[in-house]
């Protein structure tokens, strides 16, 4: 253990900083900004495929060089995970089913509703048939 000459605290991580006006000690207590964890840009890289899961791929060679192929069981596991619905999807489905049960229509359209629906359909059809205007 060493003692920091700046703040007199005891620790194992003490640095001596040399400058034009002399030297001084720095430790995590008196100079925490100089002891922040160093991260290289490659540490923040997103690892994918064979780099992230090397045991789940087979290394193969061809005339162009090396390439990697999923092991069949790993591919099947990943596809099975993709087919499963997520919690959000399940909640949305349950809400939609409850809404459908609560608000579904069990009677045929009456004359007024049928006329309104046909009028709206004719309006949309007329809009689709008219030639497009150019500016």
C-alpha atoms as a PDB file:
ATOM      1  CA  UNK A   1       0.000   0.000   0.000  1.00  0.00           C
ATOM      2  CA  UNK A   2       1.163   3.494  -0.806  1.00  0.00           C
ATOM      3  CA  UNK A   3       0.172   6.876   0.563  1.00  0.00           C
ATOM      4  CA  UNK A   4      -0.954   9.671  -1.762  1.00  0.00           C
ATOM      5  CA  UNK A   5       1.072  12.809  -1.033  1.00  0.00           C
ATOM      6  CA  UNK A   6      -1.810  15.038  -2.230  1.00  0.00           C
ATOM      7  CA  UNK A   7      -4.683  13.804  -0.025  1.00  0.00           C
ATOM      8  CA  UNK A   8      -2.774  11.478   2.337  1.00  0.00           C
ATOM      9  CA  UNK A   9      -5.090   8.513   1.625  1.00  0.00           C
ATOM     10  CA  UNK A  10      -3.731   5.013   1.503  1.00  0.00           C
ATOM     11  CA  UNK A  11      -4.293   2.808  -1.531  1.00  0.00           C
ATOM     12  CA  UNK A  12      -2.826   0.574  -4.208  1.00  0.00           C
ATOM     13  CA  UNK A  13      -3.659   2.798  -7.201  1.00  0.00           C
ATOM     14  CA  UNK A  14      -1.513   5.893  -6.815  1.00  0.00           C
ATOM     15  CA  UNK A  15       0.070   7.655  -9.780  1.00  0.00           C
ATOM     16  CA  UNK A  16       2.807  10.228  -9.839  1.00  0.00           C
ATOM     17  CA  UNK A  17       2.158  12.987 -12.369  1.00  0.00           C
ATOM     18  CA  UNK A  18       5.134  14.975 -13.605  1.00  0.00           C
ATOM     19  CA  UNK A  19       4.626  18.478 -15.009  1.00  0.00           C
ATOM     20  CA  UNK A  20       6.563  21.717 -15.599  1.00  0.00           C
ATOM     21  CA  UNK A  21       5.965  22.937 -12.045  1.00  0.00           C
ATOM     22  CA  UNK A  22       6.981  19.682 -10.349  1.00  0.00           C
ATOM     23  CA  UNK A  23       5.388  16.382  -9.494  1.00  0.00           C
ATOM     24  CA  UNK A  24       2.254  15.422  -7.621  1.00  0.00           C
ATOM     25  CA  UNK A  25       0.481  12.224  -6.712  1.00  0.00           C
ATOM     26  CA  UNK A  26      -3.036  11.309  -7.818  1.00  0.00           C
ATOM     27  CA  UNK A  27      -5.325   8.601  -6.473  1.00  0.00           C
ATOM     28  CA  UNK A  28      -9.004   7.611  -6.981  1.00  0.00           C
ATOM     29  CA  UNK A  29      -9.946   9.756  -3.948  1.00  0.00           C
ATOM     30  CA  UNK A  30      -8.437  13.088  -4.985  1.00  0.00           C
ATOM     31  CA  UNK A  31      -8.483  12.662  -8.778  1.00  0.00           C
ATOM     32  CA  UNK A  32     -11.263  10.198  -9.753  1.00  0.00           C
ATOM     33  CA  UNK A  33     -11.534  11.509 -13.334  1.00  0.00           C
ATOM     34  CA  UNK A  34      -8.077  10.161 -14.170  1.00  0.00           C
ATOM     35  CA  UNK A  35      -9.079   6.697 -12.936  1.00  0.00           C
ATOM     36  CA  UNK A  36     -12.142   6.171 -15.102  1.00  0.00           C
ATOM     37  CA  UNK A  37     -12.286   2.801 -16.828  1.00  0.00           C
ATOM     38  CA  UNK A  38     -10.640   2.930 -20.221  1.00  0.00           C
ATOM     39  CA  UNK A  39     -12.688   1.456 -23.042  1.00  0.00           C
ATOM     40  CA  UNK A  40     -11.412   1.052 -26.532  1.00  0.00           C
ATOM     41  CA  UNK A  41     -13.870   1.550 -29.411  1.00  0.00           C
ATOM     42  CA  UNK A  42     -13.638  -2.173 -30.134  1.00  0.00           C
ATOM     43  CA  UNK A  43     -14.994  -2.884 -26.639  1.00  0.00           C
ATOM     44  CA  UNK A  44     -18.280  -1.317 -27.703  1.00  0.00           C
ATOM     45  CA  UNK A  45     -18.524  -3.399 -30.863  1.00  0.00           C
ATOM     46  CA  UNK A  46     -21.597  -5.559 -31.317  1.00  0.00           C
ATOM     47  CA  UNK A  47     -20.411  -9.125 -31.725  1.00  0.00           C
ATOM     48  CA  UNK A  48     -22.512 -11.256 -34.043  1.00  0.00           C
ATOM     49  CA  UNK A  49     -22.543 -14.692 -35.537  1.00  0.00           C
ATOM     50  CA  UNK A  50     -19.519 -16.918 -35.134  1.00  0.00           C
ATOM     51  CA  UNK A  51     -17.649 -14.239 -33.164  1.00  0.00           C
ATOM     52  CA  UNK A  52     -20.308 -14.159 -30.424  1.00  0.00           C
ATOM     53  CA  UNK A  53     -21.061 -17.902 -30.421  1.00  0.00           C
ATOM     54  CA  UNK A  54     -17.997 -19.719 -31.783  1.00  0.00           C
ATOM     55  CA  UNK A  55     -19.121 -23.143 -30.540  1.00  0.00           C
ATOM     56  CA  UNK A  56     -22.377 -22.926 -32.517  1.00  0.00           C
ATOM     57  CA  UNK A  57     -20.729 -22.661 -35.954  1.00  0.00           C
ATOM     58  CA  UNK A  58     -18.678 -24.976 -38.134  1.00  0.00           C
ATOM     59  CA  UNK A  59     -15.626 -23.607 -39.892  1.00  0.00           C
ATOM     60  CA  UNK A  60     -15.447 -24.587 -43.557  1.00  0.00           C
ATOM     61  CA  UNK A  61     -13.052 -23.862 -46.392  1.00  0.00           C
ATOM     62  CA  UNK A  62     -13.565 -23.282 -50.082  1.00  0.00           C
ATOM     63  CA  UNK A  63     -11.613 -21.737 -52.967  1.00  0.00           C
ATOM     64  CA  UNK A  64     -12.337 -18.205 -51.634  1.00  0.00           C
ATOM     65  CA  UNK A  65     -11.157 -18.927 -48.091  1.00  0.00           C
ATOM     66  CA  UNK A  66     -12.833 -19.564 -44.764  1.00  0.00           C
ATOM     67  CA  UNK A  67     -16.552 -19.322 -44.055  1.00  0.00           C
ATOM     68  CA  UNK A  68     -18.749 -20.313 -41.143  1.00  0.00           C
ATOM     69  CA  UNK A  69     -22.002 -22.290 -41.169  1.00  0.00           C
ATOM     70  CA  UNK A  70     -24.591 -22.702 -38.376  1.00  0.00           C
ATOM     71  CA  UNK A  71     -24.708 -26.065 -36.734  1.00  0.00           C
ATOM     72  CA  UNK A  72     -28.140 -27.550 -37.539  1.00  0.00           C
ATOM     73  CA  UNK A  73     -29.248 -27.755 -33.898  1.00  0.00           C
ATOM     74  CA  UNK A  74     -28.274 -24.105 -33.274  1.00  0.00           C
ATOM     75  CA  UNK A  75     -30.217 -22.949 -36.330  1.00  0.00           C
ATOM     76  CA  UNK A  76     -33.281 -24.967 -35.253  1.00  0.00           C
ATOM     77  CA  UNK A  77     -33.094 -23.460 -31.758  1.00  0.00           C
ATOM     78  CA  UNK A  78     -32.885 -19.915 -33.142  1.00  0.00           C
ATOM     79  CA  UNK A  79     -35.795 -20.481 -35.547  1.00  0.00           C
ATOM     80  CA  UNK A  80     -37.897 -21.914 -32.712  1.00  0.00           C
ATOM     81  CA  UNK A  81     -37.184 -18.808 -30.602  1.00  0.00           C
ATOM     82  CA  UNK A  82     -38.240 -16.560 -33.485  1.00  0.00           C
ATOM     83  CA  UNK A  83     -41.558 -18.405 -33.835  1.00  0.00           C
ATOM     84  CA  UNK A  84     -42.479 -17.904 -30.169  1.00  0.00           C
ATOM     85  CA  UNK A  85     -44.542 -14.829 -29.437  1.00  0.00           C
ATOM     86  CA  UNK A  86     -43.059 -12.268 -27.082  1.00  0.00           C
ATOM     87  CA  UNK A  87     -44.760 -11.070 -23.910  1.00  0.00           C
ATOM     88  CA  UNK A  88     -45.805  -7.843 -25.663  1.00  0.00           C
ATOM     89  CA  UNK A  89     -47.281  -9.756 -28.598  1.00  0.00           C
ATOM     90  CA  UNK A  90     -49.145 -12.108 -26.259  1.00  0.00           C
ATOM     91  CA  UNK A  91     -50.548  -9.181 -24.236  1.00  0.00           C
ATOM     92  CA  UNK A  92     -51.671  -7.427 -27.431  1.00  0.00           C
ATOM     93  CA  UNK A  93     -53.326 -10.614 -28.679  1.00  0.00           C
ATOM     94  CA  UNK A  94     -55.151 -11.156 -25.383  1.00  0.00           C
ATOM     95  CA  UNK A  95     -56.366  -7.519 -25.407  1.00  0.00           C
ATOM     96  CA  UNK A  96     -57.520  -7.834 -29.016  1.00  0.00           C
ATOM     97  CA  UNK A  97     -59.399 -11.059 -28.260  1.00  0.00           C
ATOM     98  CA  UNK A  98     -61.099  -9.470 -25.235  1.00  0.00           C
ATOM     99  CA  UNK A  99     -62.047  -6.419 -27.305  1.00  0.00           C
ATOM    100  CA  UNK A 100     -63.397  -8.645 -30.081  1.00  0.00           C
ATOM    101  CA  UNK A 101     -65.521 -10.634 -27.624  1.00  0.00           C
ATOM    102  CA  UNK A 102     -66.861  -7.460 -25.998  1.00  0.00           C
ATOM    103  CA  UNK A 103     -67.619  -5.522 -29.195  1.00  0.00           C
ATOM    104  CA  UNK A 104     -68.289  -8.070 -31.912  1.00  0.00           C
ATOM    105  CA  UNK A 105     -71.318  -7.687 -34.111  1.00  0.00           C
ATOM    106  CA  UNK A 106     -73.867 -10.480 -33.946  1.00  0.00           C
ATOM    107  CA  UNK A 107     -76.722  -8.893 -35.938  1.00  0.00           C
ATOM    108  CA  UNK A 108     -76.931  -8.150 -39.652  1.00  0.00           C
ATOM    109  CA  UNK A 109     -76.755  -4.525 -40.872  1.00  0.00           C
ATOM    110  CA  UNK A 110     -80.046  -2.703 -40.823  1.00  0.00           C
ATOM    111  CA  UNK A 111     -81.199  -0.618 -43.824  1.00  0.00           C
ATOM    112  CA  UNK A 112     -79.615   2.665 -42.627  1.00  0.00           C
ATOM    113  CA  UNK A 113     -76.238   1.048 -41.830  1.00  0.00           C
ATOM    114  CA  UNK A 114     -76.265  -0.807 -45.162  1.00  0.00           C
ATOM    115  CA  UNK A 115     -76.968   2.422 -47.079  1.00  0.00           C
ATOM    116  CA  UNK A 116     -74.152   4.240 -45.210  1.00  0.00           C
ATOM    117  CA  UNK A 117     -71.686   1.414 -45.949  1.00  0.00           C
ATOM    118  CA  UNK A 118     -72.630   1.270 -49.643  1.00  0.00           C
ATOM    119  CA  UNK A 119     -72.356   5.081 -49.927  1.00  0.00           C
ATOM    120  CA  UNK A 120     -68.866   5.017 -48.434  1.00  0.00           C
ATOM    121  CA  UNK A 121     -67.844   2.163 -50.767  1.00  0.00           C
ATOM    122  CA  UNK A 122     -69.103   4.101 -53.811  1.00  0.00           C
ATOM    123  CA  UNK A 123     -67.201   7.185 -52.653  1.00  0.00           C
ATOM    124  CA  UNK A 124     -63.946   5.202 -52.387  1.00  0.00           C
ATOM    125  CA  UNK A 125     -64.542   3.496 -55.755  1.00  0.00           C
ATOM    126  CA  UNK A 126     -65.142   6.875 -57.458  1.00  0.00           C
ATOM    127  CA  UNK A 127     -61.951   8.231 -55.951  1.00  0.00           C
ATOM    128  CA  UNK A 128     -59.974   5.209 -57.244  1.00  0.00           C
ATOM    129  CA  UNK A 129     -61.457   5.425 -60.749  1.00  0.00           C
ATOM    130  CA  UNK A 130     -60.880   9.163 -61.360  1.00  0.00           C
ATOM    131  CA  UNK A 131     -57.693   9.957 -63.322  1.00  0.00           C
ATOM    132  CA  UNK A 132     -54.776  11.293 -61.285  1.00  0.00           C
ATOM    133  CA  UNK A 133     -54.158  15.025 -61.506  1.00  0.00           C
ATOM    134  CA  UNK A 134     -50.644  16.262 -62.282  1.00  0.00           C
ATOM    135  CA  UNK A 135     -49.217  19.517 -60.980  1.00  0.00           C
END
